Amino acid sequence: MAHTKPRRIKSISEFHRLRGLPKPEHPLVSVVTTDDFTKLPDPIAMNTVFDFYFIAMKRLKGVKYKYGQMHYDFEDEGVLFFMSPNQVLELEIIEEENPGKQSGWILLFHPDFIWNTPLAKTIKRYEFFDYSVNEALLLSEKEELTLSGIIHNIRQEYLSNIDKFSKQIIITHIENLLSYSERFYHRQFITREKANHQILERLEKLLTDYFNRDDLAIRGLPSVQYVSQELNISRGYLGSLLRMVTGQSTQQHIHDKLIEKAREKLSTTNLSVSEIAYELGFEHSQSFSKLFKTKTNVSPLKFRQSFN
């Protein structure tokens, strides 16, 4: 499945056709529910790239999915996930036992629908579009009702007579949906404290082990991409979690661990600043000294002198 070339769906009309749905009422925005579908996606279609935004709330009884390397069960809670244009959605049914009634909805809207509106710019700040399905939003019943109410309003608006107010009203509903989703994600970071604490523990161990290696000079500094891949979570989710818990970005967290190791070397070894910079993966000692001073307000040499 991982090696299957993704199928690109270029328009909302094409999505409707592939899922056996009538032609969309509006070419650039559509709401569909599981009751609307007349056929399930074939396995190839489940490895998909959309040219439009795709927001889905799923509750699939008796069906388990594989997304990337994670198994995911949509039965216990309503699950909301987000895809922006050009992202790959790779899903594979791995278990289907006595499948029951499926429920949920999908909101599709094309970038052209929000072109030249404030949402076209602000939508880029919603980091959950970069989260993986296994980092999706788990909704309480009350939260699910709130979002489903907004979705109902969007559908009702474009099913009514389209006039000069319709587009802005629909966009306002989409903005409300995204704002509520952001609020609920923040709630999830708090209520899933144990799981998030385990992620932070794994992050600390990963960085400690990395900076204790003898081949740092060859490997260089760990990147945000490397760290997120090793933790098997997306860059966006890790960054959001760290900012929520620590107030820092992933890059800032990496730099903090680096400075911690630099302080240790400066205070316990006779290595020169240039040698320490090299051992910590810096090509130029000036870059190391600049970062160290930014983080500690003193130069590496002054920090070392404070121990003498």
C-alpha atoms as a PDB file:
ATOM      1  CA  MET A   1       0.000   0.000   0.000  1.00  0.00           C
ATOM      2  CA  ALA A   2       2.802   2.407   0.908  1.00  0.00           C
ATOM      3  CA  HIS A   3       4.307   2.038  -2.572  1.00  0.00           C
ATOM      4  CA  THR A   4       1.085   2.598  -4.521  1.00  0.00           C
ATOM      5  CA  LYS A   5       1.154   5.784  -6.537  1.00  0.00           C
ATOM      6  CA  PRO A   6      -1.443   8.137  -5.027  1.00  0.00           C
ATOM      7  CA  ARG A   7      -4.550   8.810  -7.039  1.00  0.00           C
ATOM      8  CA  ARG A   8      -5.088  12.528  -7.574  1.00  0.00           C
ATOM      9  CA  ILE A   9      -8.660  13.805  -7.338  1.00  0.00           C
ATOM     10  CA  LYS A  10      -8.699  17.195  -9.000  1.00  0.00           C
ATOM     11  CA  SER A  11     -12.214  18.396  -8.345  1.00  0.00           C
ATOM     12  CA  ILE A  12     -15.124  17.992  -5.968  1.00  0.00           C
ATOM     13  CA  SER A  13     -17.200  16.768  -8.913  1.00  0.00           C
ATOM     14  CA  GLU A  14     -14.687  13.970  -9.504  1.00  0.00           C
ATOM     15  CA  PHE A  15     -14.872  12.964  -5.831  1.00  0.00           C
ATOM     16  CA  HIS A  16     -18.667  12.818  -6.049  1.00  0.00           C
ATOM     17  CA  ARG A  17     -18.505  10.676  -9.188  1.00  0.00           C
ATOM     18  CA  LEU A  18     -16.010   8.212  -7.680  1.00  0.00           C
ATOM     19  CA  ARG A  19     -18.191   7.733  -4.597  1.00  0.00           C
ATOM     20  CA  GLY A  20     -21.429   7.333  -6.540  1.00  0.00           C
ATOM     21  CA  LEU A  21     -22.811  10.698  -5.461  1.00  0.00           C
ATOM     22  CA  PRO A  22     -24.977  13.077  -7.497  1.00  0.00           C
ATOM     23  CA  LYS A  23     -23.320  16.059  -9.112  1.00  0.00           C
ATOM     24  CA  PRO A  24     -22.460  18.597  -6.361  1.00  0.00           C
ATOM     25  CA  GLU A  25     -24.876  21.456  -5.858  1.00  0.00           C
ATOM     26  CA  HIS A  26     -21.900  23.842  -5.781  1.00  0.00           C
ATOM     27  CA  PRO A  27     -18.709  23.124  -7.774  1.00  0.00           C
ATOM     28  CA  LEU A  28     -16.355  24.505  -5.102  1.00  0.00           C
ATOM     29  CA  VAL A  29     -17.907  23.439  -1.789  1.00  0.00           C
ATOM     30  CA  SER A  30     -19.780  20.333  -0.713  1.00  0.00           C
ATOM     31  CA  VAL A  31     -20.927  18.494   2.400  1.00  0.00           C
ATOM     32  CA  VAL A  32     -21.562  14.769   2.137  1.00  0.00           C
ATOM     33  CA  THR A  33     -22.609  12.292   4.802  1.00  0.00           C
ATOM     34  CA  THR A  34     -22.031   8.562   5.012  1.00  0.00           C
ATOM     35  CA  ASP A  35     -25.733   8.111   4.218  1.00  0.00           C
ATOM     36  CA  ASP A  36     -25.112   9.738   0.830  1.00  0.00           C
ATOM     37  CA  PHE A  37     -22.533   7.200  -0.359  1.00  0.00           C
ATOM     38  CA  THR A  38     -23.703   4.493  -2.726  1.00  0.00           C
ATOM     39  CA  LYS A  39     -20.330   2.742  -2.969  1.00  0.00           C
ATOM     40  CA  LEU A  40     -17.181   2.387  -0.884  1.00  0.00           C
ATOM     41  CA  PRO A  41     -13.805   3.575  -2.174  1.00  0.00           C
ATOM     42  CA  ASP A  42     -11.674   0.915  -3.807  1.00  0.00           C
ATOM     43  CA  PRO A  43      -8.243   0.231  -2.187  1.00  0.00           C
ATOM     44  CA  ILE A  44      -6.417   2.306  -4.803  1.00  0.00           C
ATOM     45  CA  ALA A  45      -8.673   5.304  -4.262  1.00  0.00           C
ATOM     46  CA  MET A  46      -7.843   5.196  -0.562  1.00  0.00           C
ATOM     47  CA  ASN A  47      -4.266   6.262  -1.365  1.00  0.00           C
ATOM     48  CA  THR A  48      -5.285   9.699  -2.476  1.00  0.00           C
ATOM     49  CA  VAL A  49      -4.153  13.274  -3.091  1.00  0.00           C
ATOM     50  CA  PHE A  50      -6.842  15.931  -3.198  1.00  0.00           C
ATOM     51  CA  ASP A  51      -6.612  19.298  -4.958  1.00  0.00           C
ATOM     52  CA  PHE A  52      -8.986  20.706  -2.330  1.00  0.00           C
ATOM     53  CA  TYR A  53      -9.471  20.835   1.439  1.00  0.00           C
ATOM     54  CA  PHE A  54     -10.911  17.679   2.992  1.00  0.00           C
ATOM     55  CA  ILE A  55     -12.275  17.693   6.562  1.00  0.00           C
ATOM     56  CA  ALA A  56     -13.898  14.482   7.758  1.00  0.00           C
ATOM     57  CA  MET A  57     -15.677  13.334  10.890  1.00  0.00           C
ATOM     58  CA  LYS A  58     -15.876   9.540  11.050  1.00  0.00           C
ATOM     59  CA  ARG A  59     -17.444   6.920  13.241  1.00  0.00           C
ATOM     60  CA  LEU A  60     -17.029   3.503  11.576  1.00  0.00           C
ATOM     61  CA  LYS A  61     -18.189   0.563  13.683  1.00  0.00           C
ATOM     62  CA  GLY A  62     -16.320  -2.692  13.151  1.00  0.00           C
ATOM     63  CA  VAL A  63     -13.725  -1.275  10.746  1.00  0.00           C
ATOM     64  CA  LYS A  64     -10.076  -0.629  11.582  1.00  0.00           C
ATOM     65  CA  TYR A  65      -7.814   1.391   9.329  1.00  0.00           C
ATOM     66  CA  LYS A  66      -4.095   1.622   8.806  1.00  0.00           C
ATOM     67  CA  TYR A  67      -2.669   5.094   8.262  1.00  0.00           C
ATOM     68  CA  GLY A  68       1.096   5.104   7.657  1.00  0.00           C
ATOM     69  CA  GLN A  69       2.423   2.733  10.316  1.00  0.00           C
ATOM     70  CA  MET A  70      -0.461   3.216  12.756  1.00  0.00           C
ATOM     71  CA  HIS A  71      -3.590   1.128  13.226  1.00  0.00           C
ATOM     72  CA  TYR A  72      -6.599   3.283  13.908  1.00  0.00           C
ATOM     73  CA  ASP A  73     -10.018   2.440  15.260  1.00  0.00           C
ATOM     74  CA  PHE A  74     -12.783   4.952  14.485  1.00  0.00           C
ATOM     75  CA  GLU A  75     -15.431   3.219  16.576  1.00  0.00           C
ATOM     76  CA  ASP A  76     -15.054   4.461  20.121  1.00  0.00           C
ATOM     77  CA  GLU A  77     -15.293   8.206  19.523  1.00  0.00           C
ATOM     78  CA  GLY A  78     -16.093  10.615  16.770  1.00  0.00           C
ATOM     79  CA  VAL A  79     -12.782  11.333  15.017  1.00  0.00           C
ATOM     80  CA  LEU A  80     -12.064  14.492  13.058  1.00  0.00           C
ATOM     81  CA  PHE A  81      -9.138  14.846  10.682  1.00  0.00           C
ATOM     82  CA  PHE A  82      -7.993  17.445   8.195  1.00  0.00           C
ATOM     83  CA  MET A  83      -6.282  17.315   4.816  1.00  0.00           C
ATOM     84  CA  SER A  84      -5.070  20.299   2.814  1.00  0.00           C
ATOM     85  CA  PRO A  85      -4.462  20.244  -0.953  1.00  0.00           C
ATOM     86  CA  ASN A  86      -1.552  18.053  -2.150  1.00  0.00           C
ATOM     87  CA  GLN A  87      -1.318  15.967   1.022  1.00  0.00           C
ATOM     88  CA  VAL A  88      -1.441  12.195   0.656  1.00  0.00           C
ATOM     89  CA  LEU A  89      -4.248  10.375   2.449  1.00  0.00           C
ATOM     90  CA  GLU A  90      -3.207   6.730   2.719  1.00  0.00           C
ATOM     91  CA  LEU A  91      -5.769   4.465   4.337  1.00  0.00           C
ATOM     92  CA  GLU A  92      -6.016   0.688   4.250  1.00  0.00           C
ATOM     93  CA  ILE A  93      -8.721  -1.505   5.755  1.00  0.00           C
ATOM     94  CA  ILE A  94      -6.878  -3.987   7.973  1.00  0.00           C
ATOM     95  CA  GLU A  95      -9.817  -5.480   9.815  1.00  0.00           C
ATOM     96  CA  GLU A  96     -13.512  -5.645   9.127  1.00  0.00           C
ATOM     97  CA  GLU A  97     -15.586  -7.714  11.537  1.00  0.00           C
ATOM     98  CA  ASN A  98     -19.345  -7.368  11.618  1.00  0.00           C
ATOM     99  CA  PRO A  99     -19.251  -3.798  10.320  1.00  0.00           C
ATOM    100  CA  GLY A 100     -22.118  -1.802  11.706  1.00  0.00           C
ATOM    101  CA  LYS A 101     -23.722   1.473  10.782  1.00  0.00           C
ATOM    102  CA  GLN A 102     -21.242   4.079   9.645  1.00  0.00           C
ATOM    103  CA  SER A 103     -21.823   7.702  10.479  1.00  0.00           C
ATOM    104  CA  GLY A 104     -20.089  10.956   9.832  1.00  0.00           C
ATOM    105  CA  TRP A 105     -19.649  13.735   7.314  1.00  0.00           C
ATOM    106  CA  ILE A 106     -17.076  15.208   4.965  1.00  0.00           C
ATOM    107  CA  LEU A 107     -16.619  18.874   4.125  1.00  0.00           C
ATOM    108  CA  LEU A 108     -14.880  19.573   0.819  1.00  0.00           C
ATOM    109  CA  PHE A 109     -13.951  23.037  -0.357  1.00  0.00           C
ATOM    110  CA  HIS A 110     -11.629  24.142  -3.134  1.00  0.00           C
ATOM    111  CA  PRO A 111      -8.932  26.809  -2.614  1.00  0.00           C
ATOM    112  CA  ASP A 112     -10.644  28.818  -5.352  1.00  0.00           C
ATOM    113  CA  PHE A 113     -13.699  29.161  -3.108  1.00  0.00           C
ATOM    114  CA  ILE A 114     -11.731  31.100  -0.486  1.00  0.00           C
ATOM    115  CA  TRP A 115      -9.405  32.869  -2.941  1.00  0.00           C
ATOM    116  CA  ASN A 116      -8.842  36.550  -2.182  1.00  0.00           C
ATOM    117  CA  THR A 117     -10.585  36.321   1.203  1.00  0.00           C
ATOM    118  CA  PRO A 118      -9.042  36.680   4.682  1.00  0.00           C
ATOM    119  CA  LEU A 119      -9.495  32.919   5.196  1.00  0.00           C
ATOM    120  CA  ALA A 120      -7.113  32.197   2.311  1.00  0.00           C
ATOM    121  CA  LYS A 121      -4.337  33.656   4.475  1.00  0.00           C
ATOM    122  CA  THR A 122      -5.445  32.641   7.952  1.00  0.00           C
ATOM    123  CA  ILE A 123      -6.082  28.996   7.028  1.00  0.00           C
ATOM    124  CA  LYS A 124      -2.310  28.509   6.839  1.00  0.00           C
ATOM    125  CA  ARG A 125      -2.008  29.062  10.583  1.00  0.00           C
ATOM    126  CA  TYR A 126      -4.153  26.034  11.451  1.00  0.00           C
ATOM    127  CA  GLU A 127      -1.411  23.501  12.028  1.00  0.00           C
ATOM    128  CA  PHE A 128      -3.778  20.548  12.350  1.00  0.00           C
ATOM    129  CA  PHE A 129      -3.926  20.358   8.544  1.00  0.00           C
ATOM    130  CA  ASP A 130      -0.386  18.962   8.858  1.00  0.00           C
ATOM    131  CA  TYR A 131      -1.273  16.359  11.487  1.00  0.00           C
ATOM    132  CA  SER A 132      -1.558  12.673  10.651  1.00  0.00           C
ATOM    133  CA  VAL A 133      -4.795  10.753  11.014  1.00  0.00           C
ATOM    134  CA  ASN A 134      -3.347   8.981  14.058  1.00  0.00           C
ATOM    135  CA  GLU A 135      -3.073  12.459  15.621  1.00  0.00           C
ATOM    136  CA  ALA A 136      -6.665  13.289  14.769  1.00  0.00           C
ATOM    137  CA  LEU A 137      -9.088  15.116  17.023  1.00  0.00           C
ATOM    138  CA  LEU A 138     -11.147  12.858  19.282  1.00  0.00           C
ATOM    139  CA  LEU A 139     -14.492  14.541  19.855  1.00  0.00           C
ATOM    140  CA  SER A 140     -16.787  14.395  22.847  1.00  0.00           C
ATOM    141  CA  GLU A 141     -20.496  14.056  22.082  1.00  0.00           C
ATOM    142  CA  LYS A 142     -21.022  17.743  22.853  1.00  0.00           C
ATOM    143  CA  GLU A 143     -18.133  18.789  20.590  1.00  0.00           C
ATOM    144  CA  GLU A 144     -19.381  16.525  17.828  1.00  0.00           C
ATOM    145  CA  LEU A 145     -22.832  18.127  18.018  1.00  0.00           C
ATOM    146  CA  THR A 146     -21.308  21.619  17.856  1.00  0.00           C
ATOM    147  CA  LEU A 147     -19.332  20.873  14.689  1.00  0.00           C
ATOM    148  CA  SER A 148     -22.137  18.892  13.075  1.00  0.00           C
ATOM    149  CA  GLY A 149     -24.421  21.902  13.593  1.00  0.00           C
ATOM    150  CA  ILE A 150     -21.981  24.104  11.678  1.00  0.00           C
ATOM    151  CA  ILE A 151     -21.758  21.526   8.887  1.00  0.00           C
ATOM    152  CA  HIS A 152     -25.557  21.433   8.672  1.00  0.00           C
ATOM    153  CA  ASN A 153     -25.615  25.226   8.289  1.00  0.00           C
ATOM    154  CA  ILE A 154     -23.047  25.126   5.490  1.00  0.00           C
ATOM    155  CA  ARG A 155     -25.057  22.544   3.597  1.00  0.00           C
ATOM    156  CA  GLN A 156     -28.314  24.424   4.079  1.00  0.00           C
ATOM    157  CA  GLU A 157     -26.750  27.648   2.837  1.00  0.00           C
ATOM    158  CA  TYR A 158     -25.588  26.329  -0.537  1.00  0.00           C
ATOM    159  CA  LEU A 159     -28.804  24.283  -0.962  1.00  0.00           C
ATOM    160  CA  SER A 160     -30.769  27.513  -0.610  1.00  0.00           C
ATOM    161  CA  ASN A 161     -30.955  30.077  -3.371  1.00  0.00           C
ATOM    162  CA  ILE A 162     -27.385  31.273  -3.937  1.00  0.00           C
ATOM    163  CA  ASP A 163     -27.095  35.056  -3.691  1.00  0.00           C
ATOM    164  CA  LYS A 164     -24.362  37.634  -3.108  1.00  0.00           C
ATOM    165  CA  PHE A 165     -24.297  36.843   0.637  1.00  0.00           C
ATOM    166  CA  SER A 166     -23.975  33.064   0.352  1.00  0.00           C
ATOM    167  CA  LYS A 167     -20.222  32.802  -0.155  1.00  0.00           C
ATOM    168  CA  GLN A 168     -19.320  34.969   2.836  1.00  0.00           C
ATOM    169  CA  ILE A 169     -21.846  33.184   5.050  1.00  0.00           C
ATOM    170  CA  ILE A 170     -20.360  29.776   4.129  1.00  0.00           C
ATOM    171  CA  ILE A 171     -16.814  31.059   4.667  1.00  0.00           C
ATOM    172  CA  THR A 172     -17.827  32.393   8.086  1.00  0.00           C
ATOM    173  CA  HIS A 173     -19.176  28.943   8.985  1.00  0.00           C
ATOM    174  CA  ILE A 174     -15.887  27.343   7.842  1.00  0.00           C
ATOM    175  CA  GLU A 175     -13.933  29.834   9.972  1.00  0.00           C
ATOM    176  CA  ASN A 176     -16.101  28.912  12.961  1.00  0.00           C
ATOM    177  CA  LEU A 177     -15.498  25.210  12.311  1.00  0.00           C
ATOM    178  CA  LEU A 178     -11.726  25.755  12.263  1.00  0.00           C
ATOM    179  CA  SER A 179     -11.787  27.943  15.391  1.00  0.00           C
ATOM    180  CA  TYR A 180     -13.773  25.369  17.346  1.00  0.00           C
ATOM    181  CA  SER A 181     -11.454  22.616  16.102  1.00  0.00           C
ATOM    182  CA  GLU A 182      -8.439  24.574  17.317  1.00  0.00           C
ATOM    183  CA  ARG A 183     -10.088  24.981  20.728  1.00  0.00           C
ATOM    184  CA  PHE A 184     -10.882  21.268  20.914  1.00  0.00           C
ATOM    185  CA  TYR A 185      -7.295  20.332  19.962  1.00  0.00           C
ATOM    186  CA  HIS A 186      -6.017  22.428  22.853  1.00  0.00           C
ATOM    187  CA  ARG A 187      -8.446  20.574  25.099  1.00  0.00           C
ATOM    188  CA  GLN A 188      -7.089  17.279  23.765  1.00  0.00           C
ATOM    189  CA  PHE A 189      -3.505  18.241  24.603  1.00  0.00           C
ATOM    190  CA  ILE A 190      -4.655  18.688  28.204  1.00  0.00           C
ATOM    191  CA  THR A 191      -6.988  15.702  28.579  1.00  0.00           C
ATOM    192  CA  ARG A 192      -4.535  13.273  26.958  1.00  0.00           C
ATOM    193  CA  GLU A 193      -1.857  14.296  29.431  1.00  0.00           C
ATOM    194  CA  LYS A 194      -0.484  10.795  29.984  1.00  0.00           C
ATOM    195  CA  ALA A 195      -0.004  10.058  26.283  1.00  0.00           C
ATOM    196  CA  ASN A 196       1.550  13.475  25.691  1.00  0.00           C
ATOM    197  CA  HIS A 197       3.841  13.067  28.712  1.00  0.00           C
ATOM    198  CA  GLN A 198       5.081   9.802  27.213  1.00  0.00           C
ATOM    199  CA  ILE A 199       5.855  11.580  23.941  1.00  0.00           C
ATOM    200  CA  LEU A 200       7.887  14.206  25.822  1.00  0.00           C
ATOM    201  CA  GLU A 201       9.754  11.505  27.739  1.00  0.00           C
ATOM    202  CA  ARG A 202      10.625   9.778  24.462  1.00  0.00           C
ATOM    203  CA  LEU A 203      11.742  13.131  23.027  1.00  0.00           C
ATOM    204  CA  GLU A 204      14.047  13.780  25.992  1.00  0.00           C
ATOM    205  CA  LYS A 205      15.615  10.324  25.698  1.00  0.00           C
ATOM    206  CA  LEU A 206      15.980  10.658  21.928  1.00  0.00           C
ATOM    207  CA  LEU A 207      17.826  13.990  22.196  1.00  0.00           C
ATOM    208  CA  THR A 208      19.952  12.880  25.153  1.00  0.00           C
ATOM    209  CA  ASP A 209      21.062   9.746  23.285  1.00  0.00           C
ATOM    210  CA  TYR A 210      21.674  11.744  20.115  1.00  0.00           C
ATOM    211  CA  PHE A 211      23.912  14.314  21.796  1.00  0.00           C
ATOM    212  CA  ASN A 212      25.807  11.573  23.648  1.00  0.00           C
ATOM    213  CA  ARG A 213      26.869   9.909  20.399  1.00  0.00           C
ATOM    214  CA  ASP A 214      30.478  10.057  19.282  1.00  0.00           C
ATOM    215  CA  ASP A 215      29.653  10.776  15.647  1.00  0.00           C
ATOM    216  CA  LEU A 216      27.859  14.103  16.077  1.00  0.00           C
ATOM    217  CA  ALA A 217      30.511  15.823  13.984  1.00  0.00           C
ATOM    218  CA  ILE A 218      29.540  13.585  11.066  1.00  0.00           C
ATOM    219  CA  ARG A 219      25.789  13.401  11.677  1.00  0.00           C
ATOM    220  CA  GLY A 220      25.311  17.095  12.401  1.00  0.00           C
ATOM    221  CA  LEU A 221      22.560  18.593  14.510  1.00  0.00           C
ATOM    222  CA  PRO A 222      19.241  16.711  14.641  1.00  0.00           C
ATOM    223  CA  SER A 223      16.562  18.288  12.478  1.00  0.00           C
ATOM    224  CA  VAL A 224      12.920  18.739  13.401  1.00  0.00           C
ATOM    225  CA  GLN A 225      12.060  16.283  10.620  1.00  0.00           C
ATOM    226  CA  TYR A 226      14.442  13.659  12.039  1.00  0.00           C
ATOM    227  CA  VAL A 227      13.035  14.015  15.561  1.00  0.00           C
ATOM    228  CA  SER A 228       9.403  13.766  14.447  1.00  0.00           C
ATOM    229  CA  GLN A 229      10.134  10.726  12.286  1.00  0.00           C
ATOM    230  CA  GLU A 230      11.900   8.959  15.151  1.00  0.00           C
ATOM    231  CA  LEU A 231       8.906   9.649  17.406  1.00  0.00           C
ATOM    232  CA  ASN A 232       6.530   8.532  14.631  1.00  0.00           C
ATOM    233  CA  ILE A 233       4.429  11.696  14.822  1.00  0.00           C
ATOM    234  CA  SER A 234       4.073  14.599  12.440  1.00  0.00           C
ATOM    235  CA  ARG A 235       6.169  17.755  12.717  1.00  0.00           C
ATOM    236  CA  GLY A 236       3.062  19.857  13.171  1.00  0.00           C
ATOM    237  CA  TYR A 237       1.634  17.802  16.029  1.00  0.00           C
ATOM    238  CA  LEU A 238       4.958  17.676  17.875  1.00  0.00           C
ATOM    239  CA  GLY A 239       5.384  21.445  17.508  1.00  0.00           C
ATOM    240  CA  SER A 240       1.850  22.149  18.717  1.00  0.00           C
ATOM    241  CA  LEU A 241       2.269  19.813  21.693  1.00  0.00           C
ATOM    242  CA  LEU A 242       5.578  21.376  22.745  1.00  0.00           C
ATOM    243  CA  ARG A 243       4.242  24.921  22.440  1.00  0.00           C
ATOM    244  CA  MET A 244       1.211  23.956  24.518  1.00  0.00           C
ATOM    245  CA  VAL A 245       3.252  22.242  27.256  1.00  0.00           C
ATOM    246  CA  THR A 246       6.563  24.149  27.242  1.00  0.00           C
ATOM    247  CA  GLY A 247       5.877  27.324  25.268  1.00  0.00           C
ATOM    248  CA  GLN A 248       8.712  26.442  22.881  1.00  0.00           C
ATOM    249  CA  SER A 249       8.973  25.141  19.346  1.00  0.00           C
ATOM    250  CA  THR A 250      10.637  21.821  18.509  1.00  0.00           C
ATOM    251  CA  GLN A 251      13.684  23.681  17.166  1.00  0.00           C
ATOM    252  CA  GLN A 252      14.002  25.661  20.387  1.00  0.00           C
ATOM    253  CA  HIS A 253      13.753  22.425  22.378  1.00  0.00           C
ATOM    254  CA  ILE A 254      16.545  20.859  20.302  1.00  0.00           C
ATOM    255  CA  HIS A 255      18.696  23.946  20.870  1.00  0.00           C
ATOM    256  CA  ASP A 256      18.077  23.774  24.630  1.00  0.00           C
ATOM    257  CA  LYS A 257      19.371  20.193  24.728  1.00  0.00           C
ATOM    258  CA  LEU A 258      22.344  21.246  22.625  1.00  0.00           C
ATOM    259  CA  ILE A 259      23.221  24.104  24.999  1.00  0.00           C
ATOM    260  CA  GLU A 260      22.867  21.738  27.946  1.00  0.00           C
ATOM    261  CA  LYS A 261      25.471  19.448  26.348  1.00  0.00           C
ATOM    262  CA  ALA A 262      27.682  22.423  25.451  1.00  0.00           C
ATOM    263  CA  ARG A 263      27.666  23.643  29.064  1.00  0.00           C
ATOM    264  CA  GLU A 264      28.709  20.196  30.204  1.00  0.00           C
ATOM    265  CA  LYS A 265      31.660  20.124  27.793  1.00  0.00           C
ATOM    266  CA  LEU A 266      32.715  23.684  28.606  1.00  0.00           C
ATOM    267  CA  SER A 267      32.705  23.028  32.347  1.00  0.00           C
ATOM    268  CA  THR A 268      34.190  19.505  32.455  1.00  0.00           C
ATOM    269  CA  THR A 269      36.679  19.311  29.552  1.00  0.00           C
ATOM    270  CA  ASN A 270      39.692  21.232  28.266  1.00  0.00           C
ATOM    271  CA  LEU A 271      38.470  21.172  24.678  1.00  0.00           C
ATOM    272  CA  SER A 272      38.607  24.501  22.874  1.00  0.00           C
ATOM    273  CA  VAL A 273      35.400  26.244  21.867  1.00  0.00           C
ATOM    274  CA  SER A 274      36.115  25.320  18.240  1.00  0.00           C
ATOM    275  CA  GLU A 275      36.590  21.666  19.168  1.00  0.00           C
ATOM    276  CA  ILE A 276      33.367  21.614  21.163  1.00  0.00           C
ATOM    277  CA  ALA A 277      31.485  23.263  18.309  1.00  0.00           C
ATOM    278  CA  TYR A 278      32.813  20.598  15.919  1.00  0.00           C
ATOM    279  CA  GLU A 279      31.928  17.747  18.271  1.00  0.00           C
ATOM    280  CA  LEU A 280      28.388  19.096  18.588  1.00  0.00           C
ATOM    281  CA  GLY A 281      27.862  19.048  14.822  1.00  0.00           C
ATOM    282  CA  PHE A 282      28.606  22.686  13.893  1.00  0.00           C
ATOM    283  CA  GLU A 283      30.581  23.375  10.736  1.00  0.00           C
ATOM    284  CA  HIS A 284      31.568  26.826  12.006  1.00  0.00           C
ATOM    285  CA  SER A 285      32.410  27.683  15.593  1.00  0.00           C
ATOM    286  CA  GLN A 286      31.034  31.198  15.083  1.00  0.00           C
ATOM    287  CA  SER A 287      27.546  29.733  14.592  1.00  0.00           C
ATOM    288  CA  PHE A 288      27.890  27.763  17.800  1.00  0.00           C
ATOM    289  CA  SER A 289      29.115  30.785  19.774  1.00  0.00           C
ATOM    290  CA  LYS A 290      26.294  32.963  18.452  1.00  0.00           C
ATOM    291  CA  LEU A 291      23.641  30.396  19.424  1.00  0.00           C
ATOM    292  CA  PHE A 292      25.215  29.833  22.837  1.00  0.00           C
ATOM    293  CA  LYS A 293      25.232  33.562  23.607  1.00  0.00           C
ATOM    294  CA  THR A 294      21.647  33.948  22.378  1.00  0.00           C
ATOM    295  CA  LYS A 295      20.515  31.191  24.728  1.00  0.00           C
ATOM    296  CA  THR A 296      22.633  32.034  27.793  1.00  0.00           C
ATOM    297  CA  ASN A 297      23.458  35.758  27.401  1.00  0.00           C
ATOM    298  CA  VAL A 298      27.181  34.964  27.737  1.00  0.00           C
ATOM    299  CA  SER A 299      29.780  33.726  25.286  1.00  0.00           C
ATOM    300  CA  PRO A 300      31.173  30.173  25.597  1.00  0.00           C
ATOM    301  CA  LEU A 301      34.516  31.595  26.822  1.00  0.00           C
ATOM    302  CA  LYS A 302      32.890  33.734  29.526  1.00  0.00           C
ATOM    303  CA  PHE A 303      30.795  30.774  30.625  1.00  0.00           C
ATOM    304  CA  ARG A 304      33.960  28.669  30.954  1.00  0.00           C
ATOM    305  CA  GLN A 305      35.796  31.453  32.825  1.00  0.00           C
ATOM    306  CA  SER A 306      33.006  31.509  35.424  1.00  0.00           C
ATOM    307  CA  PHE A 307      34.179  28.060  36.533  1.00  0.00           C
ATOM    308  CA  ASN A 308      37.781  29.181  37.063  1.00  0.00           C
END
